[in-house]
Amino acid sequence: MKVTNGEIMLCKGALEELVKVKLPVRASLQAAKFANKVSVKLKAIEDVKNGLIKTYGTKDDKGQTSVTPESPEWEQFVQEFNELMDIEEEFVFEKIRIPEKVAATCDACHHNMDKGLELEPSILMALEKFLEVA
């Protein structure tokens, strides 16, 4: 599937939240494998972003380099950063099949039951392209 660097960057936080959710084994494994693939892509994207910051940024009193809207090179940085985010690549992965329901235990009587899996809409929005509800 074709995916932009921006889509990979956007899914980072949501993916970090998803891997904390207790899921059935198959979905957990798919999430873990997907997270590993994304981390490789993110490393490359971050390296290029940091290079842009070094190129167009200025050092502060503490030696930290940053680019701010007040920087003379701001527009060039934004243009190249947006170009980086728009780069589209083929990304081979297995969609994470999340279940509608998961096994649970009743708080009152302790019997086993199924309950609906609850995820924040922000997680689903950021990962929509990479998820499938089973």
N, C-alpha and C. Protein backbone atom coordinates (compact mmCIF):
# COMPACT_ATOMS: atom_id res chain seq x y z
N MET A 1 0.85 -1.17 0.00
CA MET A 1 0.00 0.00 0.00
C MET A 1 0.89 1.24 0.00
N LYS A 2 0.49 2.26 -0.74
CA LYS A 2 1.22 3.52 -0.77
C LYS A 2 0.87 4.32 0.48
N VAL A 3 1.92 4.79 1.16
CA VAL A 3 1.76 5.55 2.41
C VAL A 3 2.72 6.72 2.38
N THR A 4 2.27 7.89 2.83
CA THR A 4 3.16 9.04 2.89
C THR A 4 3.91 9.05 4.22
N ASN A 5 5.03 9.76 4.23
CA ASN A 5 5.78 9.92 5.48
C ASN A 5 4.93 10.63 6.53
N GLY A 6 4.08 11.54 6.09
CA GLY A 6 3.19 12.24 7.02
C GLY A 6 2.23 11.28 7.71
N GLU A 7 1.69 10.30 6.96
CA GLU A 7 0.79 9.31 7.56
C GLU A 7 1.53 8.44 8.57
N ILE A 8 2.79 8.12 8.26
CA ILE A 8 3.59 7.35 9.20
C ILE A 8 3.83 8.16 10.47
N MET A 9 4.18 9.44 10.31
CA MET A 9 4.42 10.29 11.48
C MET A 9 3.15 10.44 12.33
N LEU A 10 2.00 10.58 11.67
CA LEU A 10 0.74 10.76 12.40
C LEU A 10 0.34 9.51 13.19
N CYS A 11 0.72 8.36 12.71
CA CYS A 11 0.28 7.14 13.39
C CYS A 11 1.14 6.80 14.60
N LYS A 12 2.27 7.45 14.78
CA LYS A 12 3.21 7.11 15.85
C LYS A 12 2.56 7.11 17.24
N GLY A 13 1.96 8.21 17.63
CA GLY A 13 1.36 8.32 18.97
C GLY A 13 0.20 7.35 19.16
N ALA A 14 -0.64 7.23 18.14
CA ALA A 14 -1.78 6.32 18.22
C ALA A 14 -1.31 4.87 18.32
N LEU A 15 -0.27 4.54 17.59
CA LEU A 15 0.27 3.18 17.64
C LEU A 15 0.86 2.88 19.01
N GLU A 16 1.52 3.87 19.60
CA GLU A 16 2.06 3.69 20.96
C GLU A 16 0.93 3.40 21.95
N GLU A 17 -0.22 4.04 21.76
CA GLU A 17 -1.37 3.78 22.62
C GLU A 17 -1.99 2.41 22.34
N LEU A 18 -2.08 2.04 21.06
CA LEU A 18 -2.69 0.77 20.70
C LEU A 18 -1.91 -0.42 21.25
N VAL A 19 -0.59 -0.35 21.23
CA VAL A 19 0.19 -1.48 21.71
C VAL A 19 0.10 -1.65 23.24
N LYS A 20 -0.47 -0.67 23.92
CA LYS A 20 -0.71 -0.79 25.37
C LYS A 20 -2.03 -1.49 25.68
N VAL A 21 -2.91 -1.59 24.67
CA VAL A 21 -4.24 -2.18 24.85
C VAL A 21 -4.12 -3.70 24.86
N LYS A 22 -4.81 -4.33 25.79
CA LYS A 22 -4.81 -5.79 25.85
C LYS A 22 -5.72 -6.31 24.74
N LEU A 23 -5.11 -7.00 23.77
CA LEU A 23 -5.81 -7.53 22.61
C LEU A 23 -5.61 -9.04 22.54
N PRO A 24 -6.43 -9.74 21.76
CA PRO A 24 -6.18 -11.16 21.55
C PRO A 24 -4.78 -11.35 20.94
N VAL A 25 -4.25 -12.55 21.09
CA VAL A 25 -2.87 -12.82 20.69
C VAL A 25 -2.58 -12.43 19.25
N ARG A 26 -3.42 -12.83 18.31
CA ARG A 26 -3.17 -12.54 16.89
C ARG A 26 -3.10 -11.03 16.65
N ALA A 27 -4.04 -10.28 17.20
CA ALA A 27 -4.04 -8.83 17.01
C ALA A 27 -2.83 -8.19 17.69
N SER A 28 -2.45 -8.70 18.86
CA SER A 28 -1.27 -8.18 19.56
C SER A 28 -0.01 -8.40 18.73
N LEU A 29 0.11 -9.58 18.14
CA LEU A 29 1.27 -9.88 17.31
C LEU A 29 1.30 -8.99 16.07
N GLN A 30 0.15 -8.81 15.44
CA GLN A 30 0.08 -7.92 14.27
C GLN A 30 0.47 -6.50 14.65
N ALA A 31 -0.02 -6.03 15.79
CA ALA A 31 0.31 -4.67 16.24
C ALA A 31 1.81 -4.55 16.52
N ALA A 32 2.39 -5.57 17.15
CA ALA A 32 3.83 -5.53 17.46
C ALA A 32 4.66 -5.53 16.18
N LYS A 33 4.30 -6.38 15.21
CA LYS A 33 5.04 -6.41 13.94
C LYS A 33 4.91 -5.09 13.19
N PHE A 34 3.70 -4.54 13.19
CA PHE A 34 3.48 -3.26 12.51
C PHE A 34 4.30 -2.16 13.20
N ALA A 35 4.30 -2.15 14.52
CA ALA A 35 5.07 -1.14 15.27
C ALA A 35 6.55 -1.22 14.93
N ASN A 36 7.08 -2.43 14.78
CA ASN A 36 8.49 -2.59 14.41
C ASN A 36 8.76 -2.02 13.02
N LYS A 37 7.88 -2.29 12.07
CA LYS A 37 8.06 -1.77 10.71
C LYS A 37 7.98 -0.23 10.70
N VAL A 38 7.03 0.29 11.45
CA VAL A 38 6.86 1.75 11.51
C VAL A 38 8.09 2.40 12.15
N SER A 39 8.66 1.77 13.17
CA SER A 39 9.81 2.37 13.86
C SER A 39 11.00 2.52 12.91
N VAL A 40 11.18 1.59 11.98
CA VAL A 40 12.27 1.69 11.00
C VAL A 40 12.02 2.90 10.10
N LYS A 41 10.78 3.04 9.62
CA LYS A 41 10.44 4.18 8.76
C LYS A 41 10.60 5.49 9.53
N LEU A 42 10.12 5.51 10.77
CA LEU A 42 10.20 6.73 11.58
C LEU A 42 11.64 7.17 11.82
N LYS A 43 12.52 6.23 12.02
CA LYS A 43 13.94 6.54 12.24
C LYS A 43 14.49 7.30 11.04
N ALA A 44 14.20 6.81 9.84
CA ALA A 44 14.69 7.47 8.63
C ALA A 44 14.08 8.87 8.48
N ILE A 45 12.79 8.99 8.74
CA ILE A 45 12.12 10.29 8.64
C ILE A 45 12.70 11.27 9.65
N GLU A 46 12.89 10.81 10.89
CA GLU A 46 13.45 11.67 11.94
C GLU A 46 14.88 12.12 11.59
N ASP A 47 15.67 11.21 11.01
CA ASP A 47 17.03 11.57 10.62
C ASP A 47 17.03 12.71 9.60
N VAL A 48 16.14 12.62 8.60
CA VAL A 48 16.07 13.67 7.58
C VAL A 48 15.55 14.96 8.20
N LYS A 49 14.54 14.85 9.06
CA LYS A 49 13.99 16.05 9.74
C LYS A 49 15.08 16.73 10.57
N ASN A 50 15.86 15.94 11.30
CA ASN A 50 16.94 16.51 12.12
C ASN A 50 18.00 17.17 11.24
N GLY A 51 18.24 16.61 10.05
CA GLY A 51 19.17 17.23 9.11
C GLY A 51 18.66 18.58 8.64
N LEU A 52 17.35 18.66 8.39
CA LEU A 52 16.75 19.94 8.00
C LEU A 52 16.88 20.97 9.12
N ILE A 53 16.67 20.53 10.34
CA ILE A 53 16.79 21.44 11.49
C ILE A 53 18.22 21.95 11.60
N LYS A 54 19.20 21.06 11.41
CA LYS A 54 20.61 21.47 11.46
C LYS A 54 20.93 22.45 10.35
N THR A 55 20.37 22.19 9.16
CA THR A 55 20.65 23.05 8.01
C THR A 55 20.04 24.44 8.17
N TYR A 56 18.79 24.51 8.62
CA TYR A 56 18.07 25.78 8.64
C TYR A 56 17.92 26.39 10.03
N GLY A 57 18.33 25.67 11.06
CA GLY A 57 18.14 26.16 12.42
C GLY A 57 19.30 27.00 12.93
N THR A 58 19.07 27.54 14.11
CA THR A 58 20.12 28.29 14.81
C THR A 58 20.24 27.71 16.21
N LYS A 59 21.45 27.82 16.77
CA LYS A 59 21.70 27.30 18.11
C LYS A 59 21.34 28.35 19.14
N ASP A 60 20.77 27.86 20.26
CA ASP A 60 20.46 28.78 21.36
C ASP A 60 21.62 28.77 22.35
N ASP A 61 21.43 29.43 23.50
CA ASP A 61 22.47 29.54 24.53
C ASP A 61 22.92 28.17 25.06
N LYS A 62 22.02 27.21 25.03
CA LYS A 62 22.32 25.87 25.56
C LYS A 62 22.87 24.93 24.50
N GLY A 63 23.06 25.43 23.28
CA GLY A 63 23.61 24.61 22.21
C GLY A 63 22.57 23.78 21.46
N GLN A 64 21.29 24.02 21.76
CA GLN A 64 20.21 23.31 21.08
C GLN A 64 19.87 24.02 19.78
N THR A 65 19.75 23.25 18.70
CA THR A 65 19.41 23.83 17.40
C THR A 65 17.91 23.71 17.17
N SER A 66 17.30 24.80 16.73
CA SER A 66 15.87 24.78 16.43
C SER A 66 15.58 25.76 15.30
N VAL A 67 14.41 25.56 14.71
CA VAL A 67 13.94 26.46 13.66
C VAL A 67 12.60 27.01 14.14
N THR A 68 12.48 28.32 14.18
CA THR A 68 11.25 28.95 14.63
C THR A 68 10.71 29.84 13.51
N PRO A 69 9.43 30.21 13.59
CA PRO A 69 8.88 31.10 12.56
C PRO A 69 9.65 32.41 12.41
N GLU A 70 10.38 32.80 13.44
CA GLU A 70 11.16 34.04 13.37
C GLU A 70 12.49 33.83 12.65
N SER A 71 12.87 32.58 12.45
CA SER A 71 14.15 32.27 11.79
C SER A 71 14.12 32.75 10.34
N PRO A 72 15.24 33.28 9.85
CA PRO A 72 15.28 33.74 8.46
C PRO A 72 15.08 32.60 7.46
N GLU A 73 15.39 31.39 7.83
CA GLU A 73 15.29 30.23 6.94
C GLU A 73 13.98 29.47 7.13
N TRP A 74 13.04 30.00 7.89
CA TRP A 74 11.80 29.30 8.24
C TRP A 74 11.04 28.80 7.00
N GLU A 75 10.82 29.68 6.04
CA GLU A 75 10.03 29.29 4.87
C GLU A 75 10.68 28.15 4.10
N GLN A 76 12.00 28.20 3.94
CA GLN A 76 12.70 27.12 3.24
C GLN A 76 12.59 25.82 4.03
N PHE A 77 12.72 25.90 5.35
CA PHE A 77 12.58 24.71 6.21
C PHE A 77 11.19 24.10 6.05
N VAL A 78 10.15 24.93 6.14
CA VAL A 78 8.77 24.45 6.03
C VAL A 78 8.54 23.81 4.67
N GLN A 79 9.04 24.43 3.63
CA GLN A 79 8.86 23.89 2.28
C GLN A 79 9.50 22.50 2.17
N GLU A 80 10.72 22.35 2.65
CA GLU A 80 11.41 21.06 2.55
C GLU A 80 10.80 20.03 3.51
N PHE A 81 10.36 20.48 4.69
CA PHE A 81 9.72 19.56 5.63
C PHE A 81 8.41 19.03 5.03
N ASN A 82 7.62 19.91 4.43
CA ASN A 82 6.37 19.47 3.79
C ASN A 82 6.65 18.51 2.64
N GLU A 83 7.70 18.77 1.91
CA GLU A 83 8.10 17.86 0.83
C GLU A 83 8.44 16.48 1.41
N LEU A 84 9.15 16.47 2.52
CA LEU A 84 9.47 15.21 3.21
C LEU A 84 8.21 14.47 3.63
N MET A 85 7.24 15.19 4.18
CA MET A 85 6.00 14.56 4.65
C MET A 85 5.15 14.04 3.50
N ASP A 86 5.27 14.65 2.32
CA ASP A 86 4.47 14.25 1.16
C ASP A 86 5.07 13.08 0.37
N ILE A 87 6.30 12.69 0.68
CA ILE A 87 6.91 11.58 -0.05
C ILE A 87 6.10 10.32 0.21
N GLU A 88 5.76 9.65 -0.87
CA GLU A 88 4.92 8.46 -0.81
C GLU A 88 5.76 7.24 -1.19
N GLU A 89 5.65 6.20 -0.40
CA GLU A 89 6.39 4.97 -0.65
C GLU A 89 5.47 3.78 -0.51
N GLU A 90 5.88 2.69 -1.11
CA GLU A 90 5.18 1.42 -0.93
C GLU A 90 5.54 0.90 0.45
N PHE A 91 4.53 0.55 1.22
CA PHE A 91 4.74 0.05 2.58
C PHE A 91 3.99 -1.27 2.69
N VAL A 92 4.74 -2.35 2.82
CA VAL A 92 4.14 -3.68 2.87
C VAL A 92 3.91 -4.05 4.33
N PHE A 93 2.66 -4.32 4.66
CA PHE A 93 2.32 -4.68 6.03
C PHE A 93 1.00 -5.44 6.03
N GLU A 94 0.77 -6.14 7.11
CA GLU A 94 -0.50 -6.83 7.31
C GLU A 94 -1.35 -5.92 8.19
N LYS A 95 -2.58 -5.63 7.73
CA LYS A 95 -3.45 -4.79 8.54
C LYS A 95 -3.68 -5.42 9.91
N ILE A 96 -3.75 -4.59 10.91
CA ILE A 96 -4.01 -5.07 12.27
C ILE A 96 -5.50 -5.34 12.38
N ARG A 97 -5.85 -6.58 12.63
CA ARG A 97 -7.27 -6.97 12.72
C ARG A 97 -7.69 -6.89 14.19
N ILE A 98 -8.32 -5.78 14.53
CA ILE A 98 -8.78 -5.63 15.91
C ILE A 98 -10.20 -6.17 16.03
N PRO A 99 -10.47 -6.87 17.12
CA PRO A 99 -11.81 -7.44 17.30
C PRO A 99 -12.79 -6.39 17.80
N GLU A 100 -14.06 -6.61 17.49
CA GLU A 100 -15.10 -5.73 18.04
C GLU A 100 -15.29 -5.99 19.52
N LYS A 101 -15.13 -7.26 19.91
CA LYS A 101 -15.31 -7.64 21.30
C LYS A 101 -14.09 -8.39 21.80
N VAL A 102 -13.85 -8.27 23.10
CA VAL A 102 -12.75 -8.98 23.73
C VAL A 102 -13.28 -9.72 24.96
N ALA A 103 -12.54 -10.75 25.37
CA ALA A 103 -12.93 -11.51 26.55
C ALA A 103 -12.75 -10.64 27.79
N ALA A 104 -13.68 -10.79 28.72
CA ALA A 104 -13.63 -10.01 29.96
C ALA A 104 -14.26 -10.83 31.08
N THR A 105 -14.14 -10.33 32.28
CA THR A 105 -14.76 -10.95 33.44
C THR A 105 -15.69 -9.94 34.09
N CYS A 106 -16.89 -10.39 34.41
CA CYS A 106 -17.88 -9.53 35.06
C CYS A 106 -17.36 -9.12 36.43
N ASP A 107 -17.42 -7.83 36.73
CA ASP A 107 -16.96 -7.33 38.03
C ASP A 107 -17.84 -7.82 39.17
N ALA A 108 -19.12 -7.95 38.91
CA ALA A 108 -20.06 -8.33 39.98
C ALA A 108 -20.00 -9.82 40.31
N CYS A 109 -20.11 -10.68 39.26
CA CYS A 109 -20.22 -12.11 39.54
C CYS A 109 -19.01 -12.92 39.07
N HIS A 110 -18.05 -12.27 38.44
CA HIS A 110 -16.80 -12.88 38.00
C HIS A 110 -16.95 -13.96 36.93
N HIS A 111 -18.07 -13.98 36.20
CA HIS A 111 -18.17 -14.96 35.12
C HIS A 111 -17.57 -14.37 33.84
N ASN A 112 -17.13 -15.26 32.95
CA ASN A 112 -16.51 -14.83 31.70
C ASN A 112 -17.58 -14.31 30.75
N MET A 113 -17.21 -13.29 29.99
CA MET A 113 -18.15 -12.70 29.04
C MET A 113 -17.35 -11.94 27.98
N ASP A 114 -18.02 -11.55 26.94
CA ASP A 114 -17.41 -10.68 25.93
C ASP A 114 -17.86 -9.26 26.19
N LYS A 115 -16.95 -8.33 25.97
CA LYS A 115 -17.33 -6.92 26.06
C LYS A 115 -16.76 -6.20 24.85
N GLY A 116 -17.38 -5.13 24.48
CA GLY A 116 -16.93 -4.35 23.33
C GLY A 116 -15.55 -3.76 23.58
N LEU A 117 -14.68 -3.85 22.58
CA LEU A 117 -13.37 -3.23 22.67
C LEU A 117 -13.53 -1.73 22.53
N GLU A 118 -12.98 -0.98 23.46
CA GLU A 118 -13.10 0.46 23.44
C GLU A 118 -11.75 1.09 23.12
N LEU A 119 -11.73 1.88 22.06
CA LEU A 119 -10.54 2.64 21.68
C LEU A 119 -10.95 4.08 21.46
N GLU A 120 -10.05 4.98 21.79
CA GLU A 120 -10.30 6.41 21.59
C GLU A 120 -10.44 6.69 20.09
N PRO A 121 -11.36 7.56 19.70
CA PRO A 121 -11.50 7.91 18.28
C PRO A 121 -10.20 8.44 17.67
N SER A 122 -9.39 9.13 18.46
CA SER A 122 -8.13 9.66 17.92
C SER A 122 -7.19 8.54 17.49
N ILE A 123 -7.22 7.41 18.18
CA ILE A 123 -6.40 6.26 17.80
C ILE A 123 -6.91 5.70 16.48
N LEU A 124 -8.23 5.53 16.40
CA LEU A 124 -8.82 4.97 15.19
C LEU A 124 -8.61 5.87 13.98
N MET A 125 -8.70 7.17 14.17
CA MET A 125 -8.51 8.11 13.07
C MET A 125 -7.08 8.03 12.53
N ALA A 126 -6.11 8.03 13.43
CA ALA A 126 -4.71 8.02 13.02
C ALA A 126 -4.29 6.70 12.38
N LEU A 127 -4.96 5.61 12.79
CA LEU A 127 -4.58 4.28 12.31
C LEU A 127 -5.57 3.69 11.31
N GLU A 128 -6.55 4.46 10.89
CA GLU A 128 -7.62 3.93 10.05
C GLU A 128 -7.10 3.16 8.83
N LYS A 129 -6.08 3.66 8.21
CA LYS A 129 -5.53 3.04 7.01
C LYS A 129 -4.86 1.68 7.32
N PHE A 130 -4.51 1.50 8.57
CA PHE A 130 -3.70 0.33 8.95
C PHE A 130 -4.50 -0.72 9.76
N LEU A 131 -5.78 -0.42 10.05
CA LEU A 131 -6.61 -1.30 10.88
C LEU A 131 -7.74 -1.92 10.08
N GLU A 132 -8.22 -3.04 10.61
CA GLU A 132 -9.40 -3.69 10.08
C GLU A 132 -10.14 -4.24 11.29
N VAL A 133 -11.43 -3.97 11.39
CA VAL A 133 -12.23 -4.49 12.50
C VAL A 133 -12.72 -5.87 12.12
N ALA A 134 -12.38 -6.83 12.95
CA ALA A 134 -12.74 -8.24 12.65
C ALA A 134 -14.02 -8.62 13.36
